[in-house]
Amino acid sequence: MVLKYLFIGVVFTFIIELLINNRSIQNHPKVKKAFKNTNFGMQERVLNILIWPITLFIFLFAFLKEFFR
């Protein structure tokens, strides 16, 4: 059970990492503003793996809010 939870967290963090490293997304003005002084390092990755349900909710909420704007 715990391994499934951690595995889903690793997959989710990997997808977020792919999105962050995508050139077209990096050049978006809102992403530049959000990540101006931020580094997505190892501590952030481990924390994201552990609390992935919360970060998934935040991601989906922000995405849908922007999509239906």
C-alpha atoms as a PDB file:
ATOM      1  CA  MET A   1       0.000   0.000   0.000  1.00  0.00           C
ATOM      2  CA  VAL A   2       2.746   2.421   0.947  1.00  0.00           C
ATOM      3  CA  LEU A   3       4.774   1.433  -2.107  1.00  0.00           C
ATOM      4  CA  LYS A   4       1.805   2.171  -4.381  1.00  0.00           C
ATOM      5  CA  TYR A   5       1.420   5.591  -2.747  1.00  0.00           C
ATOM      6  CA  LEU A   6       5.112   6.382  -3.250  1.00  0.00           C
ATOM      7  CA  PHE A   7       5.083   5.035  -6.810  1.00  0.00           C
ATOM      8  CA  ILE A   8       2.149   7.263  -7.746  1.00  0.00           C
ATOM      9  CA  GLY A   9       4.024  10.167  -6.144  1.00  0.00           C
ATOM     10  CA  VAL A  10       7.128   9.422  -8.207  1.00  0.00           C
ATOM     11  CA  VAL A  11       5.109   9.235 -11.431  1.00  0.00           C
ATOM     12  CA  PHE A  12       3.257  12.468 -10.623  1.00  0.00           C
ATOM     13  CA  THR A  13       6.504  14.270  -9.779  1.00  0.00           C
ATOM     14  CA  PHE A  14       8.043  12.981 -13.014  1.00  0.00           C
ATOM     15  CA  ILE A  15       5.146  14.406 -15.020  1.00  0.00           C
ATOM     16  CA  ILE A  16       5.449  17.755 -13.231  1.00  0.00           C
ATOM     17  CA  GLU A  17       9.187  17.702 -13.950  1.00  0.00           C
ATOM     18  CA  LEU A  18       8.518  17.094 -17.654  1.00  0.00           C
ATOM     19  CA  LEU A  19       6.065  19.990 -17.723  1.00  0.00           C
ATOM     20  CA  ILE A  20       8.480  22.331 -15.955  1.00  0.00           C
ATOM     21  CA  ASN A  21      11.306  21.477 -18.363  1.00  0.00           C
ATOM     22  CA  ASN A  22       9.187  21.904 -21.502  1.00  0.00           C
ATOM     23  CA  ARG A  23      10.469  24.908 -23.519  1.00  0.00           C
ATOM     24  CA  SER A  24       7.051  26.173 -24.586  1.00  0.00           C
ATOM     25  CA  ILE A  25       5.814  26.092 -21.000  1.00  0.00           C
ATOM     26  CA  GLN A  26       8.995  27.730 -19.675  1.00  0.00           C
ATOM     27  CA  ASN A  27       8.475  30.683 -22.003  1.00  0.00           C
ATOM     28  CA  HIS A  28       4.916  31.362 -20.824  1.00  0.00           C
ATOM     29  CA  PRO A  29       4.795  34.713 -18.947  1.00  0.00           C
ATOM     30  CA  LYS A  30       2.926  33.336 -15.921  1.00  0.00           C
ATOM     31  CA  VAL A  31       5.356  30.444 -15.546  1.00  0.00           C
ATOM     32  CA  LYS A  32       8.330  32.792 -15.817  1.00  0.00           C
ATOM     33  CA  LYS A  33       6.803  34.949 -13.090  1.00  0.00           C
ATOM     34  CA  ALA A  34       6.044  31.956 -10.842  1.00  0.00           C
ATOM     35  CA  PHE A  35       9.494  30.363 -11.195  1.00  0.00           C
ATOM     36  CA  LYS A  36      11.536  33.571 -11.332  1.00  0.00           C
ATOM     37  CA  ASN A  37      13.349  33.007  -8.026  1.00  0.00           C
ATOM     38  CA  THR A  38      12.410  29.363  -7.498  1.00  0.00           C
ATOM     39  CA  ASN A  39      14.414  26.199  -7.963  1.00  0.00           C
ATOM     40  CA  PHE A  40      12.738  22.788  -8.252  1.00  0.00           C
ATOM     41  CA  GLY A  41      15.465  20.881  -6.426  1.00  0.00           C
ATOM     42  CA  MET A  42      15.698  17.510  -4.739  1.00  0.00           C
ATOM     43  CA  GLN A  43      13.977  18.678  -1.535  1.00  0.00           C
ATOM     44  CA  GLU A  44      10.980  19.894  -3.515  1.00  0.00           C
ATOM     45  CA  ARG A  45      10.850  16.634  -5.454  1.00  0.00           C
ATOM     46  CA  VAL A  46      10.878  14.486  -2.296  1.00  0.00           C
ATOM     47  CA  LEU A  47       8.246  16.685  -0.664  1.00  0.00           C
ATOM     48  CA  ASN A  48       6.097  16.450  -3.791  1.00  0.00           C
ATOM     49  CA  ILE A  49       6.394  12.645  -3.761  1.00  0.00           C
ATOM     50  CA  LEU A  50       5.206  12.573  -0.154  1.00  0.00           C
ATOM     51  CA  ILE A  51       2.297  15.020  -0.478  1.00  0.00           C
ATOM     52  CA  TRP A  52       1.292  14.369  -4.094  1.00  0.00           C
ATOM     53  CA  PRO A  53      -2.490  14.296  -3.451  1.00  0.00           C
ATOM     54  CA  ILE A  54      -2.357  17.879  -2.168  1.00  0.00           C
ATOM     55  CA  THR A  55      -0.169  19.090  -5.031  1.00  0.00           C
ATOM     56  CA  LEU A  56      -2.390  17.280  -7.537  1.00  0.00           C
ATOM     57  CA  PHE A  57      -5.440  19.084  -6.158  1.00  0.00           C
ATOM     58  CA  ILE A  58      -3.638  22.452  -6.317  1.00  0.00           C
ATOM     59  CA  PHE A  59      -2.449  21.747  -9.860  1.00  0.00           C
ATOM     60  CA  LEU A  60      -5.894  20.700 -11.101  1.00  0.00           C
ATOM     61  CA  PHE A  61      -7.619  23.612  -9.382  1.00  0.00           C
ATOM     62  CA  ALA A  62      -5.210  26.155 -10.924  1.00  0.00           C
ATOM     63  CA  PHE A  63      -5.364  24.488 -14.336  1.00  0.00           C
ATOM     64  CA  LEU A  64      -9.162  24.366 -14.460  1.00  0.00           C
ATOM     65  CA  LYS A  65      -9.454  27.901 -13.116  1.00  0.00           C
ATOM     66  CA  GLU A  66      -7.182  29.160 -15.896  1.00  0.00           C
ATOM     67  CA  PHE A  67      -8.744  26.925 -18.558  1.00  0.00           C
ATOM     68  CA  PHE A  68     -12.307  28.110 -17.909  1.00  0.00           C
ATOM     69  CA  ARG A  69     -11.343  31.738 -17.528  1.00  0.00           C
END
